[in-house]
Amino acid sequence: MNLNRVTIFWLAVLGIALFIASNTLYIVKETERAILLRFGELVRADIPPGLHFKMPIMHQVRLFNRRILTVDSNPERFLTKEKKFLEVDSFAQWRVYDVSQYYTATNGEVRRAEALLAQRINNGLRNNFGVRTMHEVVSGERDELMEDLTETLGGITKQEFGIELIDIRVKRINLPPDVSESVYNRMNTERQRKAREYRSEGLEQAEGIRAKADRKKIVILSNAYREAEQLRGEGDANATAIYATAYNRSPEFYKFTRSLNAYRIAFKNKSDIMLLAPEGEFFKYIDNLQGKK
């Protein structure tokens, strides 16, 4: 009986000790930042990682995540320099920089901090989109815009909210549905106009090339015909000169060879029939084998 009482006594002492330890000791992890409050008033900020003591009831500890967090804003409509609406979906990465300022500005609530960041980011994007064209914000100066906005808003968020703004990025830029169709139609019309211009330029160039080719063809054929006629004339002249020289050397032999060629041509086809008088001029070399009249 006494043993049971002793056991109960020590168990009670152990329970009281555990209760006191749980209310006087607290641990700050490497991934956390902490502040110490006394009756709701901030008395110590940016407590380092490790085991720490506090006074029960009097002190309260608030722990905050010190890792990088992401705030994903809802898509918003922004007006460009050309008075065209764009639907922009963006996100930002941030973390707690000054824990006391962060607690004072947001009461340590992540949702409130994200709402304040989203509001500042949307205002910054709206101002930057308003002085740039659609091409610049979509591709031309997009990266530069994000870097400038991150740097500008980073100083403001550190000072006002105790938040370090690491990066701002745009996930998607779309045209609103009510203007997408009109923009598409305008782009389609523009592309068709360009296509007609290219076709007309191509036809014009093709006609020019075809005309040059036809002109070159005529010139080449004319030159070839002229050269052929010259060569033919020179050949005929040479042939005539050769015939004349041969005739002057031996007129009788020339007549004989001409007669042989005539016989060859006349009797080439055996089915042909010629009715001539035997004493005619055509057969004189056949009748007189000595080639004399």
Foldseek 3Di string as FASTA:
>chain_A
DVVVVVVVVVVVVVVVVVVQCVQFKDFADPQKWKFKDFVNHTDGGRDHGDMGTDDGPGIDMDIAGFDKDKQWDDWDWAAALVRAIKTWTKMFIKGAQGGVLQCVQQVRDPVSVSVVVNVLLVVLVNVVRHHHDPCCCVPNVVVVSFVVSLVVVQVVCCVRNNMGTDGMHIPDMGGPPVCPVVVVVVVVVVVVVVVVVVVVVVVVVVVVVVVVVVVVVVVVVVVVVVVVVVVVVVVVVVVVVVLVVVCVVPVLVSVVVVLVVVVCVVPVDVVDDDDDDCPDPSCPCVVPVVSDD
